[in-house]
Amino acid sequence: MTHLTAKRIFITGATGFLGGCLAPRLVAEGAHVVALARSEVKAATLKEQGIETISGDLLDLDSLRRGMRDCQIVIHMAAAVDGSYDEMYPATVTGTQNVMNAAADIGVRRVVHVSSIAVYGLLARSLYAEDTPLARAEYPYITTKQLAEEKVKQIGADRQLEWAIIRPGMIYGPRAGLWTKGLFQLASLRPTPFIGDGSGNAAPIYVDDVVEMLVRAAASDRAINQIFNCVMDPPPTWREFIGVYQRLAQHSTWLSIPISPVYAAAAAIMLFAPRKTVLRDLPDGLNWLTHKKRYPMDKSRLLLGWEPQISLDEGIARCAEWLRTTRLLPVITG
């Protein structure tokens, strides 16, 4: 048990991939968890886990206030992950603004906000520390995540509300879409195609390690008004990350796609792409993909006593059973 025992904790995004792992962990820590649910079906699933639910959404301030009543901590994970800028802004930016204001209205002590390393932008750097200036981008996921962090800091200061911001990397694990299912599908191709030789660094993190950081950020006073990266440090290369999935698929063949012609095509596409779309960031994205980089975890080690515990080999091995249930990985018989 931790300092979260007997605490009332309100969470958004409880039915998502990360939230589905965090909620039962908080219950195991002795916390009383209240989750925002947008449908009766999702609420029923949460109730089966012993989690109280409140019907509503991020754009309904009254439902947020009802859910947060008597809560000491809010963990805000819900956000839009795709769509146009105008489609993503309400959930990610207005939703975060509403969560912060509702928490201040009710007298919540602290909000832990789940952001992303995407906020650093796609400008190729060798080091992305928590105090690194955020680079401008056109990709709506990046820009809305940046604006959401601004809301957390601004409202936190204006209304004297404690906050902590967590910036996870590529969260993988059983039930993960892009970084488990998607990457395994790529790794299963023979040969596996990749732009460049795969020597640039990826930024994976196993879901249980993210959950552990969220628990510590919620419980520790050393997290107050702090930002934390949440990735493996040192980071694996893309070749290493994908290579572990390749071993599950029982091959190691690799097809390096030359960078120069792809970059030239990306630059041409960028010139004609509409604003506020990822197409405007394609050249920067290619540079980021092939660049050697690191997201240092010194701050989390110092203030939270946290560092990743799950190696790539162990984490991806834990994904194997789930991949078999999706029929992407053959079922072992006999």
C-alpha atoms as a PDB file:
ATOM      1  CA  MET A   1       0.000   0.000   0.000  1.00  0.00           C
ATOM      2  CA  THR A   2       1.044   3.632  -0.600  1.00  0.00           C
ATOM      3  CA  HIS A   3      -0.036   7.096   0.479  1.00  0.00           C
ATOM      4  CA  LEU A   4      -3.035   6.577  -1.826  1.00  0.00           C
ATOM      5  CA  THR A   5      -4.748   4.212   0.631  1.00  0.00           C
ATOM      6  CA  ALA A   6      -8.292   5.430   1.400  1.00  0.00           C
ATOM      7  CA  LYS A   7      -7.902   8.370  -0.995  1.00  0.00           C
ATOM      8  CA  ARG A   8     -10.714   9.157  -3.442  1.00  0.00           C
ATOM      9  CA  ILE A   9      -9.235   9.458  -6.935  1.00  0.00           C
ATOM     10  CA  PHE A  10     -11.142  10.626  -9.995  1.00  0.00           C
ATOM     11  CA  ILE A  11      -9.843   9.407 -13.348  1.00  0.00           C
ATOM     12  CA  THR A  12     -10.656  10.171 -16.962  1.00  0.00           C
ATOM     13  CA  GLY A  13      -9.866   7.727 -19.749  1.00  0.00           C
ATOM     14  CA  ALA A  14     -10.474   4.727 -17.494  1.00  0.00           C
ATOM     15  CA  THR A  15     -11.712   2.527 -20.335  1.00  0.00           C
ATOM     16  CA  GLY A  16      -8.718   3.223 -22.566  1.00  0.00           C
ATOM     17  CA  PHE A  17      -5.567   1.154 -22.795  1.00  0.00           C
ATOM     18  CA  LEU A  18      -3.595   3.008 -20.106  1.00  0.00           C
ATOM     19  CA  GLY A  19      -6.641   3.679 -17.942  1.00  0.00           C
ATOM     20  CA  GLY A  20      -7.624   0.026 -18.047  1.00  0.00           C
ATOM     21  CA  CYS A  21      -4.282  -0.825 -16.440  1.00  0.00           C
ATOM     22  CA  LEU A  22      -4.201   2.094 -13.977  1.00  0.00           C
ATOM     23  CA  ALA A  23      -7.691   1.763 -12.487  1.00  0.00           C
ATOM     24  CA  PRO A  24      -7.254  -1.749 -11.015  1.00  0.00           C
ATOM     25  CA  ARG A  25      -3.786  -0.792  -9.748  1.00  0.00           C
ATOM     26  CA  LEU A  26      -5.267   2.156  -7.833  1.00  0.00           C
ATOM     27  CA  VAL A  27      -7.914  -0.134  -6.353  1.00  0.00           C
ATOM     28  CA  ALA A  28      -5.141  -2.521  -5.300  1.00  0.00           C
ATOM     29  CA  GLU A  29      -3.384   0.424  -3.626  1.00  0.00           C
ATOM     30  CA  GLY A  30      -6.456   0.879  -1.431  1.00  0.00           C
ATOM     31  CA  ALA A  31      -7.829   3.943  -3.217  1.00  0.00           C
ATOM     32  CA  HIS A  32     -11.507   4.561  -3.927  1.00  0.00           C
ATOM     33  CA  VAL A  33     -11.620   5.146  -7.668  1.00  0.00           C
ATOM     34  CA  VAL A  34     -14.288   7.207  -9.412  1.00  0.00           C
ATOM     35  CA  ALA A  35     -14.201   7.034 -13.217  1.00  0.00           C
ATOM     36  CA  LEU A  36     -15.798   9.217 -15.849  1.00  0.00           C
ATOM     37  CA  ALA A  37     -17.817   7.058 -18.271  1.00  0.00           C
ATOM     38  CA  ARG A  38     -19.500   8.199 -21.466  1.00  0.00           C
ATOM     39  CA  SER A  39     -21.770   5.164 -21.890  1.00  0.00           C
ATOM     40  CA  GLU A  40     -23.655   2.627 -19.780  1.00  0.00           C
ATOM     41  CA  VAL A  41     -21.735  -0.226 -21.432  1.00  0.00           C
ATOM     42  CA  LYS A  42     -18.377   1.250 -20.425  1.00  0.00           C
ATOM     43  CA  ALA A  43     -19.696   2.060 -16.956  1.00  0.00           C
ATOM     44  CA  ALA A  44     -20.805  -1.549 -16.454  1.00  0.00           C
ATOM     45  CA  THR A  45     -17.324  -2.842 -17.289  1.00  0.00           C
ATOM     46  CA  LEU A  46     -15.775  -0.511 -14.716  1.00  0.00           C
ATOM     47  CA  LYS A  47     -18.318  -1.384 -12.017  1.00  0.00           C
ATOM     48  CA  GLU A  48     -17.396  -5.064 -12.375  1.00  0.00           C
ATOM     49  CA  GLN A  49     -13.885  -4.054 -11.242  1.00  0.00           C
ATOM     50  CA  GLY A  50     -15.185  -2.335  -8.118  1.00  0.00           C
ATOM     51  CA  ILE A  51     -14.888   1.150  -9.605  1.00  0.00           C
ATOM     52  CA  GLU A  52     -17.505   3.820  -9.017  1.00  0.00           C
ATOM     53  CA  THR A  53     -18.614   5.600 -12.200  1.00  0.00           C
ATOM     54  CA  ILE A  54     -20.083   8.960 -13.077  1.00  0.00           C
ATOM     55  CA  SER A  55     -21.870   9.496 -16.385  1.00  0.00           C
ATOM     56  CA  GLY A  56     -20.603  12.424 -18.437  1.00  0.00           C
ATOM     57  CA  ASP A  57     -17.781  13.674 -20.615  1.00  0.00           C
ATOM     58  CA  LEU A  58     -14.942  16.168 -20.660  1.00  0.00           C
ATOM     59  CA  LEU A  59     -17.109  18.944 -22.093  1.00  0.00           C
ATOM     60  CA  ASP A  60     -19.683  18.679 -19.284  1.00  0.00           C
ATOM     61  CA  LEU A  61     -18.369  20.684 -16.327  1.00  0.00           C
ATOM     62  CA  ASP A  62     -21.238  19.636 -14.071  1.00  0.00           C
ATOM     63  CA  SER A  63     -20.513  15.932 -14.553  1.00  0.00           C
ATOM     64  CA  LEU A  64     -16.831  16.542 -13.844  1.00  0.00           C
ATOM     65  CA  ARG A  65     -17.646  18.387 -10.632  1.00  0.00           C
ATOM     66  CA  ARG A  66     -20.029  15.611  -9.538  1.00  0.00           C
ATOM     67  CA  GLY A  67     -17.407  12.975 -10.185  1.00  0.00           C
ATOM     68  CA  MET A  68     -14.674  14.879  -8.356  1.00  0.00           C
ATOM     69  CA  ARG A  69     -16.737  15.567  -5.233  1.00  0.00           C
ATOM     70  CA  ASP A  70     -14.738  14.586  -2.120  1.00  0.00           C
ATOM     71  CA  CYS A  71     -11.782  13.486  -4.284  1.00  0.00           C
ATOM     72  CA  GLN A  72      -8.258  14.510  -3.310  1.00  0.00           C
ATOM     73  CA  ILE A  73      -6.573  13.555  -6.595  1.00  0.00           C
ATOM     74  CA  VAL A  74      -7.509  13.617 -10.280  1.00  0.00           C
ATOM     75  CA  ILE A  75      -5.619  11.630 -12.923  1.00  0.00           C
ATOM     76  CA  HIS A  76      -6.495  12.941 -16.363  1.00  0.00           C
ATOM     77  CA  MET A  77      -5.709  10.532 -19.217  1.00  0.00           C
ATOM     78  CA  ALA A  78      -8.521  11.110 -21.727  1.00  0.00           C
ATOM     79  CA  ALA A  79      -7.662  12.933 -24.967  1.00  0.00           C
ATOM     80  CA  ALA A  80      -8.249  12.733 -28.700  1.00  0.00           C
ATOM     81  CA  VAL A  81      -5.636  10.662 -30.532  1.00  0.00           C
ATOM     82  CA  ASP A  82      -6.523  11.377 -34.146  1.00  0.00           C
ATOM     83  CA  GLY A  83      -8.585  13.613 -36.384  1.00  0.00           C
ATOM     84  CA  SER A  84      -8.284  17.175 -37.607  1.00  0.00           C
ATOM     85  CA  TYR A  85      -7.192  20.038 -35.379  1.00  0.00           C
ATOM     86  CA  ASP A  86     -10.794  21.220 -35.002  1.00  0.00           C
ATOM     87  CA  GLU A  87     -11.914  17.702 -34.123  1.00  0.00           C
ATOM     88  CA  MET A  88      -9.163  17.130 -31.557  1.00  0.00           C
ATOM     89  CA  TYR A  89      -9.176  20.521 -29.840  1.00  0.00           C
ATOM     90  CA  PRO A  90     -12.388  20.100 -27.795  1.00  0.00           C
ATOM     91  CA  ALA A  91     -11.460  16.791 -26.132  1.00  0.00           C
ATOM     92  CA  THR A  92      -7.755  17.461 -25.634  1.00  0.00           C
ATOM     93  CA  VAL A  93      -7.596  21.195 -24.904  1.00  0.00           C
ATOM     94  CA  THR A  94     -11.066  22.260 -23.758  1.00  0.00           C
ATOM     95  CA  GLY A  95     -11.399  18.953 -21.914  1.00  0.00           C
ATOM     96  CA  THR A  96      -8.162  19.557 -20.003  1.00  0.00           C
ATOM     97  CA  GLN A  97      -9.226  23.126 -19.228  1.00  0.00           C
ATOM     98  CA  ASN A  98     -12.514  21.808 -17.851  1.00  0.00           C
ATOM     99  CA  VAL A  99     -10.800  19.126 -15.762  1.00  0.00           C
ATOM    100  CA  MET A 100      -8.495  21.722 -14.194  1.00  0.00           C
ATOM    101  CA  ASN A 101     -11.283  24.213 -13.496  1.00  0.00           C
ATOM    102  CA  ALA A 102     -13.628  21.578 -12.110  1.00  0.00           C
ATOM    103  CA  ALA A 103     -10.853  20.303  -9.830  1.00  0.00           C
ATOM    104  CA  ALA A 104     -10.190  23.823  -8.551  1.00  0.00           C
ATOM    105  CA  ASP A 105     -13.924  24.464  -8.084  1.00  0.00           C
ATOM    106  CA  ILE A 106     -14.349  21.325  -5.980  1.00  0.00           C
ATOM    107  CA  GLY A 107     -11.160  21.727  -3.949  1.00  0.00           C
ATOM    108  CA  VAL A 108      -9.184  18.780  -5.356  1.00  0.00           C
ATOM    109  CA  ARG A 109      -5.610  18.835  -4.122  1.00  0.00           C
ATOM    110  CA  ARG A 110      -3.728  17.639  -7.227  1.00  0.00           C
ATOM    111  CA  VAL A 111      -4.231  16.869 -10.903  1.00  0.00           C
ATOM    112  CA  VAL A 112      -1.866  14.420 -12.618  1.00  0.00           C
ATOM    113  CA  HIS A 113      -2.051  15.094 -16.342  1.00  0.00           C
ATOM    114  CA  VAL A 114      -0.958  12.485 -18.890  1.00  0.00           C
ATOM    115  CA  SER A 115       0.691  14.234 -21.824  1.00  0.00           C
ATOM    116  CA  SER A 116       3.187  12.773 -24.319  1.00  0.00           C
ATOM    117  CA  ILE A 117       6.777  13.125 -25.486  1.00  0.00           C
ATOM    118  CA  ALA A 118       5.121  14.298 -28.711  1.00  0.00           C
ATOM    119  CA  VAL A 119       4.961  17.778 -27.148  1.00  0.00           C
ATOM    120  CA  TYR A 120       8.682  18.237 -27.881  1.00  0.00           C
ATOM    121  CA  GLY A 121       7.761  18.345 -31.556  1.00  0.00           C
ATOM    122  CA  LEU A 122       9.617  16.738 -34.427  1.00  0.00           C
ATOM    123  CA  LEU A 123      12.673  18.987 -34.510  1.00  0.00           C
ATOM    124  CA  ALA A 124      15.591  16.524 -34.434  1.00  0.00           C
ATOM    125  CA  ARG A 125      17.603  16.951 -31.241  1.00  0.00           C
ATOM    126  CA  SER A 126      19.984  14.652 -29.443  1.00  0.00           C
ATOM    127  CA  LEU A 127      18.460  15.319 -26.005  1.00  0.00           C
ATOM    128  CA  TYR A 128      14.876  15.991 -24.928  1.00  0.00           C
ATOM    129  CA  ALA A 129      14.956  16.901 -21.245  1.00  0.00           C
ATOM    130  CA  GLU A 130      11.874  18.170 -19.423  1.00  0.00           C
ATOM    131  CA  ASP A 131      13.063  21.787 -19.704  1.00  0.00           C
ATOM    132  CA  THR A 132      13.738  21.558 -23.456  1.00  0.00           C
ATOM    133  CA  PRO A 133      11.715  24.228 -25.308  1.00  0.00           C
ATOM    134  CA  LEU A 134       8.799  22.743 -27.213  1.00  0.00           C
ATOM    135  CA  ALA A 135       9.161  22.994 -30.990  1.00  0.00           C
ATOM    136  CA  ARG A 136       6.390  24.292 -33.200  1.00  0.00           C
ATOM    137  CA  ALA A 137       4.568  21.696 -35.301  1.00  0.00           C
ATOM    138  CA  GLU A 138       1.515  21.384 -37.542  1.00  0.00           C
ATOM    139  CA  TYR A 139       0.459  17.860 -36.530  1.00  0.00           C
ATOM    140  CA  PRO A 140      -2.794  18.297 -34.522  1.00  0.00           C
ATOM    141  CA  TYR A 141      -1.852  15.631 -31.968  1.00  0.00           C
ATOM    142  CA  ILE A 142       1.304  17.580 -31.105  1.00  0.00           C
ATOM    143  CA  THR A 143      -0.251  21.035 -31.082  1.00  0.00           C
ATOM    144  CA  THR A 144      -3.268  20.055 -28.989  1.00  0.00           C
ATOM    145  CA  LYS A 145      -1.085  18.217 -26.472  1.00  0.00           C
ATOM    146  CA  GLN A 146       1.129  21.307 -26.187  1.00  0.00           C
ATOM    147  CA  LEU A 147      -1.893  23.531 -25.606  1.00  0.00           C
ATOM    148  CA  ALA A 148      -3.282  21.112 -23.008  1.00  0.00           C
ATOM    149  CA  GLU A 149      -0.048  21.338 -21.008  1.00  0.00           C
ATOM    150  CA  GLU A 150      -0.300  25.126 -21.136  1.00  0.00           C
ATOM    151  CA  LYS A 151      -3.812  24.903 -19.661  1.00  0.00           C
ATOM    152  CA  VAL A 152      -2.573  22.696 -16.826  1.00  0.00           C
ATOM    153  CA  LYS A 153       0.212  25.090 -15.875  1.00  0.00           C
ATOM    154  CA  GLN A 154      -1.807  28.269 -16.358  1.00  0.00           C
ATOM    155  CA  ILE A 155      -4.899  27.189 -14.433  1.00  0.00           C
ATOM    156  CA  GLY A 156      -2.770  25.497 -11.794  1.00  0.00           C
ATOM    157  CA  ALA A 157      -0.959  28.789 -11.130  1.00  0.00           C
ATOM    158  CA  ASP A 158      -4.051  30.994 -11.353  1.00  0.00           C
ATOM    159  CA  ARG A 159      -6.170  28.824  -9.085  1.00  0.00           C
ATOM    160  CA  GLN A 160      -3.482  27.435  -6.741  1.00  0.00           C
ATOM    161  CA  LEU A 161      -4.024  23.843  -7.805  1.00  0.00           C
ATOM    162  CA  GLU A 162      -1.180  21.326  -7.584  1.00  0.00           C
ATOM    163  CA  TRP A 163      -0.324  19.544 -10.809  1.00  0.00           C
ATOM    164  CA  ALA A 164       2.118  17.048 -12.254  1.00  0.00           C
ATOM    165  CA  ILE A 165       2.607  16.362 -15.959  1.00  0.00           C
ATOM    166  CA  ILE A 166       3.742  12.948 -17.206  1.00  0.00           C
ATOM    167  CA  ARG A 167       5.133  12.639 -20.745  1.00  0.00           C
ATOM    168  CA  PRO A 168       5.083   8.948 -21.717  1.00  0.00           C
ATOM    169  CA  GLY A 169       6.752   7.652 -24.840  1.00  0.00           C
ATOM    170  CA  MET A 170       5.390   4.875 -27.056  1.00  0.00           C
ATOM    171  CA  ILE A 171       3.277   2.898 -24.590  1.00  0.00           C
ATOM    172  CA  TYR A 172       3.143  -0.779 -25.502  1.00  0.00           C
ATOM    173  CA  GLY A 173       1.749  -3.878 -23.859  1.00  0.00           C
ATOM    174  CA  PRO A 174      -1.204  -6.273 -24.211  1.00  0.00           C
ATOM    175  CA  ARG A 175      -4.165  -4.445 -25.837  1.00  0.00           C
ATOM    176  CA  ALA A 176      -1.992  -1.601 -27.162  1.00  0.00           C
ATOM    177  CA  GLY A 177      -2.954  -0.599 -30.679  1.00  0.00           C
ATOM    178  CA  LEU A 178      -0.147   1.142 -32.549  1.00  0.00           C
ATOM    179  CA  TRP A 179       2.905   0.138 -30.516  1.00  0.00           C
ATOM    180  CA  THR A 180       1.998  -3.536 -30.032  1.00  0.00           C
ATOM    181  CA  LYS A 181      -0.547  -4.641 -32.623  1.00  0.00           C
ATOM    182  CA  GLY A 182       0.615  -2.206 -35.303  1.00  0.00           C
ATOM    183  CA  LEU A 183       4.326  -2.707 -34.767  1.00  0.00           C
ATOM    184  CA  PHE A 184       3.954  -6.489 -34.626  1.00  0.00           C
ATOM    185  CA  GLN A 185       2.113  -6.397 -37.951  1.00  0.00           C
ATOM    186  CA  LEU A 186       4.997  -4.405 -39.422  1.00  0.00           C
ATOM    187  CA  ALA A 187       7.568  -6.751 -37.869  1.00  0.00           C
ATOM    188  CA  SER A 188       5.738  -9.774 -39.311  1.00  0.00           C
ATOM    189  CA  LEU A 189       6.409  -8.650 -42.883  1.00  0.00           C
ATOM    190  CA  ARG A 190       9.247 -10.601 -44.510  1.00  0.00           C
ATOM    191  CA  PRO A 191      11.391  -8.633 -44.989  1.00  0.00           C
ATOM    192  CA  THR A 192      10.371  -5.876 -42.589  1.00  0.00           C
ATOM    193  CA  PRO A 193      10.509  -2.537 -44.458  1.00  0.00           C
ATOM    194  CA  PHE A 194      11.807   0.540 -42.678  1.00  0.00           C
ATOM    195  CA  ILE A 195      12.969   3.977 -43.778  1.00  0.00           C
ATOM    196  CA  GLY A 196      16.708   3.997 -43.149  1.00  0.00           C
ATOM    197  CA  ASP A 197      18.659   1.330 -41.325  1.00  0.00           C
ATOM    198  CA  GLY A 198      16.746   1.567 -38.039  1.00  0.00           C
ATOM    199  CA  SER A 199      19.679   3.073 -36.125  1.00  0.00           C
ATOM    200  CA  GLY A 200      17.644   6.056 -34.936  1.00  0.00           C
ATOM    201  CA  ASN A 201      16.243   5.785 -31.431  1.00  0.00           C
ATOM    202  CA  ALA A 202      12.683   4.839 -30.546  1.00  0.00           C
ATOM    203  CA  ALA A 203      11.092   5.748 -27.196  1.00  0.00           C
ATOM    204  CA  PRO A 204       9.084   2.750 -25.968  1.00  0.00           C
ATOM    205  CA  ILE A 205       7.797   2.237 -22.433  1.00  0.00           C
ATOM    206  CA  TYR A 206       5.862  -0.743 -21.073  1.00  0.00           C
ATOM    207  CA  VAL A 207       2.403   0.138 -19.757  1.00  0.00           C
ATOM    208  CA  ASP A 208       3.054  -1.142 -16.211  1.00  0.00           C
ATOM    209  CA  ASP A 209       6.022   1.216 -15.912  1.00  0.00           C
ATOM    210  CA  VAL A 210       3.790   4.155 -16.874  1.00  0.00           C
ATOM    211  CA  VAL A 211       1.230   3.077 -14.287  1.00  0.00           C
ATOM    212  CA  GLU A 212       3.941   2.984 -11.640  1.00  0.00           C
ATOM    213  CA  MET A 213       5.010   6.535 -12.451  1.00  0.00           C
ATOM    214  CA  LEU A 214       1.407   7.763 -12.290  1.00  0.00           C
ATOM    215  CA  VAL A 215       0.959   6.180  -8.866  1.00  0.00           C
ATOM    216  CA  ARG A 216       4.132   7.852  -7.596  1.00  0.00           C
ATOM    217  CA  ALA A 217       3.250  11.220  -9.127  1.00  0.00           C
ATOM    218  CA  ALA A 218      -0.135  11.075  -7.431  1.00  0.00           C
ATOM    219  CA  ALA A 219       1.300  10.113  -4.047  1.00  0.00           C
ATOM    220  CA  SER A 220       4.563  12.080  -3.739  1.00  0.00           C
ATOM    221  CA  ASP A 221       4.854  15.744  -2.776  1.00  0.00           C
ATOM    222  CA  ARG A 222       8.076  15.815  -4.785  1.00  0.00           C
ATOM    223  CA  ALA A 223       5.945  15.655  -7.930  1.00  0.00           C
ATOM    224  CA  ILE A 224       4.140  18.935  -7.226  1.00  0.00           C
ATOM    225  CA  ASN A 225       4.247  21.264 -10.259  1.00  0.00           C
ATOM    226  CA  GLN A 226       6.810  19.072 -12.011  1.00  0.00           C
ATOM    227  CA  ILE A 227       7.056  17.539 -15.484  1.00  0.00           C
ATOM    228  CA  PHE A 228       8.464  14.039 -15.996  1.00  0.00           C
ATOM    229  CA  ASN A 229       9.544  12.114 -19.066  1.00  0.00           C
ATOM    230  CA  CYS A 230       8.427   8.487 -18.982  1.00  0.00           C
ATOM    231  CA  VAL A 231      10.510   6.376 -21.376  1.00  0.00           C
ATOM    232  CA  MET A 232      13.314   3.838 -21.441  1.00  0.00           C
ATOM    233  CA  ASP A 233      16.704   5.420 -20.801  1.00  0.00           C
ATOM    234  CA  PRO A 234      18.975   4.635 -22.549  1.00  0.00           C
ATOM    235  CA  PRO A 235      16.569   4.104 -25.454  1.00  0.00           C
ATOM    236  CA  PRO A 236      16.647   1.207 -27.907  1.00  0.00           C
ATOM    237  CA  THR A 237      17.028   1.780 -31.629  1.00  0.00           C
ATOM    238  CA  TRP A 238      14.108   1.150 -33.931  1.00  0.00           C
ATOM    239  CA  ARG A 239      15.941  -1.929 -35.199  1.00  0.00           C
ATOM    240  CA  GLU A 240      16.161  -3.263 -31.645  1.00  0.00           C
ATOM    241  CA  PHE A 241      12.541  -2.425 -30.791  1.00  0.00           C
ATOM    242  CA  ILE A 242      11.089  -3.943 -33.950  1.00  0.00           C
ATOM    243  CA  GLY A 243      13.605  -6.782 -33.763  1.00  0.00           C
ATOM    244  CA  VAL A 244      12.066  -8.165 -30.569  1.00  0.00           C
ATOM    245  CA  TYR A 245       8.694  -8.308 -32.316  1.00  0.00           C
ATOM    246  CA  GLN A 246      10.430  -9.948 -35.297  1.00  0.00           C
ATOM    247  CA  ARG A 247      11.658 -12.711 -33.015  1.00  0.00           C
ATOM    248  CA  LEU A 248       8.052 -13.395 -32.024  1.00  0.00           C
ATOM    249  CA  ALA A 249       7.296 -13.624 -35.735  1.00  0.00           C
ATOM    250  CA  GLN A 250      10.303 -15.950 -36.093  1.00  0.00           C
ATOM    251  CA  HIS A 251      12.379 -14.013 -38.593  1.00  0.00           C
ATOM    252  CA  SER A 252      14.934 -11.191 -38.687  1.00  0.00           C
ATOM    253  CA  THR A 253      14.988 -10.065 -42.316  1.00  0.00           C
ATOM    254  CA  TRP A 254      15.148  -6.308 -42.810  1.00  0.00           C
ATOM    255  CA  LEU A 255      14.594  -4.067 -45.827  1.00  0.00           C
ATOM    256  CA  SER A 256      16.227  -0.634 -45.501  1.00  0.00           C
ATOM    257  CA  ILE A 257      14.454   1.933 -47.656  1.00  0.00           C
ATOM    258  CA  PRO A 258      16.854   4.679 -48.811  1.00  0.00           C
ATOM    259  CA  ILE A 259      16.160   7.937 -46.973  1.00  0.00           C
ATOM    260  CA  SER A 260      16.989  10.466 -49.712  1.00  0.00           C
ATOM    261  CA  PRO A 261      14.157   9.742 -52.186  1.00  0.00           C
ATOM    262  CA  VAL A 262      11.620   9.419 -49.374  1.00  0.00           C
ATOM    263  CA  TYR A 263      12.750  12.740 -47.925  1.00  0.00           C
ATOM    264  CA  ALA A 264      12.483  14.404 -51.345  1.00  0.00           C
ATOM    265  CA  ALA A 265       8.930  13.096 -51.730  1.00  0.00           C
ATOM    266  CA  ALA A 266       8.041  14.252 -48.209  1.00  0.00           C
ATOM    267  CA  ALA A 267       9.371  17.740 -48.934  1.00  0.00           C
ATOM    268  CA  ALA A 268       7.268  17.950 -52.095  1.00  0.00           C
ATOM    269  CA  ILE A 269       4.139  16.786 -50.284  1.00  0.00           C
ATOM    270  CA  MET A 270       4.742  19.351 -47.528  1.00  0.00           C
ATOM    271  CA  LEU A 271       4.705  22.217 -50.026  1.00  0.00           C
ATOM    272  CA  PHE A 272       1.146  21.457 -51.107  1.00  0.00           C
ATOM    273  CA  ALA A 273      -0.267  20.098 -47.854  1.00  0.00           C
ATOM    274  CA  PRO A 274      -2.969  22.054 -45.975  1.00  0.00           C
ATOM    275  CA  ARG A 275      -2.024  23.732 -42.720  1.00  0.00           C
ATOM    276  CA  LYS A 276      -2.623  22.017 -39.392  1.00  0.00           C
ATOM    277  CA  THR A 277      -2.055  18.567 -40.838  1.00  0.00           C
ATOM    278  CA  VAL A 278       0.680  16.008 -40.244  1.00  0.00           C
ATOM    279  CA  LEU A 279       1.621  16.242 -43.926  1.00  0.00           C
ATOM    280  CA  ARG A 280       3.213  19.623 -43.202  1.00  0.00           C
ATOM    281  CA  ASP A 281       5.577  17.901 -40.754  1.00  0.00           C
ATOM    282  CA  LEU A 282       6.703  14.989 -42.947  1.00  0.00           C
ATOM    283  CA  PRO A 283      10.340  16.109 -43.491  1.00  0.00           C
ATOM    284  CA  ASP A 284      10.797  16.852 -39.784  1.00  0.00           C
ATOM    285  CA  GLY A 285       9.148  13.536 -38.945  1.00  0.00           C
ATOM    286  CA  LEU A 286      11.618  11.645 -41.120  1.00  0.00           C
ATOM    287  CA  ASN A 287      14.532  13.420 -39.471  1.00  0.00           C
ATOM    288  CA  TRP A 288      13.125  12.550 -36.048  1.00  0.00           C
ATOM    289  CA  LEU A 289      12.612   8.917 -37.066  1.00  0.00           C
ATOM    290  CA  THR A 290      16.211   8.430 -38.201  1.00  0.00           C
ATOM    291  CA  HIS A 291      17.884  10.591 -35.540  1.00  0.00           C
ATOM    292  CA  LYS A 292      19.842   9.334 -32.525  1.00  0.00           C
ATOM    293  CA  LYS A 293      18.170  10.840 -29.475  1.00  0.00           C
ATOM    294  CA  ARG A 294      17.556  10.377 -25.785  1.00  0.00           C
ATOM    295  CA  TYR A 295      14.845  11.365 -23.308  1.00  0.00           C
ATOM    296  CA  PRO A 296      16.738  11.485 -19.997  1.00  0.00           C
ATOM    297  CA  MET A 297      15.070  10.013 -16.920  1.00  0.00           C
ATOM    298  CA  ASP A 298      17.370  11.641 -14.350  1.00  0.00           C
ATOM    299  CA  LYS A 299      14.601  13.809 -12.917  1.00  0.00           C
ATOM    300  CA  SER A 300      12.206  10.933 -12.243  1.00  0.00           C
ATOM    301  CA  ARG A 301      14.989   8.902 -10.652  1.00  0.00           C
ATOM    302  CA  LEU A 302      15.885  11.810  -8.371  1.00  0.00           C
ATOM    303  CA  LEU A 303      12.421  13.009  -7.370  1.00  0.00           C
ATOM    304  CA  LEU A 304      10.252   9.899  -7.656  1.00  0.00           C
ATOM    305  CA  GLY A 305      12.749   7.072  -7.283  1.00  0.00           C
ATOM    306  CA  TRP A 306      11.324   5.732 -10.544  1.00  0.00           C
ATOM    307  CA  GLU A 307      12.957   4.082 -13.503  1.00  0.00           C
ATOM    308  CA  PRO A 308      11.668   1.508 -16.006  1.00  0.00           C
ATOM    309  CA  GLN A 309      11.631  -2.028 -14.654  1.00  0.00           C
ATOM    310  CA  ILE A 310      10.421  -3.933 -17.716  1.00  0.00           C
ATOM    311  CA  SER A 311      12.968  -4.698 -20.431  1.00  0.00           C
ATOM    312  CA  LEU A 312      11.944  -4.873 -24.077  1.00  0.00           C
ATOM    313  CA  ASP A 313      12.374  -8.639 -24.111  1.00  0.00           C
ATOM    314  CA  GLU A 314      10.182  -9.101 -21.054  1.00  0.00           C
ATOM    315  CA  GLY A 315       7.582  -6.544 -22.102  1.00  0.00           C
ATOM    316  CA  ILE A 316       7.077  -7.934 -25.585  1.00  0.00           C
ATOM    317  CA  ALA A 317       7.051 -11.497 -24.235  1.00  0.00           C
ATOM    318  CA  ARG A 318       4.111 -10.400 -22.082  1.00  0.00           C
ATOM    319  CA  CYS A 319       2.315  -9.304 -25.267  1.00  0.00           C
ATOM    320  CA  ALA A 320       2.544 -12.723 -26.914  1.00  0.00           C
ATOM    321  CA  GLU A 321      -0.570 -14.262 -25.362  1.00  0.00           C
ATOM    322  CA  TRP A 322      -2.697 -11.241 -26.301  1.00  0.00           C
ATOM    323  CA  LEU A 323      -1.317 -11.273 -29.847  1.00  0.00           C
ATOM    324  CA  ARG A 324      -2.424 -14.893 -30.081  1.00  0.00           C
ATOM    325  CA  THR A 325      -5.961 -13.930 -29.050  1.00  0.00           C
ATOM    326  CA  THR A 326      -6.001 -11.446 -31.943  1.00  0.00           C
ATOM    327  CA  ARG A 327      -4.797 -14.267 -34.258  1.00  0.00           C
ATOM    328  CA  LEU A 328      -1.842 -12.174 -35.360  1.00  0.00           C
ATOM    329  CA  LEU A 329       0.482 -14.647 -33.659  1.00  0.00           C
ATOM    330  CA  PRO A 330      -0.144 -18.362 -34.240  1.00  0.00           C
ATOM    331  CA  VAL A 331      -1.573 -20.306 -31.310  1.00  0.00           C
ATOM    332  CA  ILE A 332       0.852 -22.849 -29.883  1.00  0.00           C
ATOM    333  CA  THR A 333      -0.654 -26.347 -29.890  1.00  0.00           C
ATOM    334  CA  GLY A 334       0.538 -29.669 -28.650  1.00  0.00           C
END
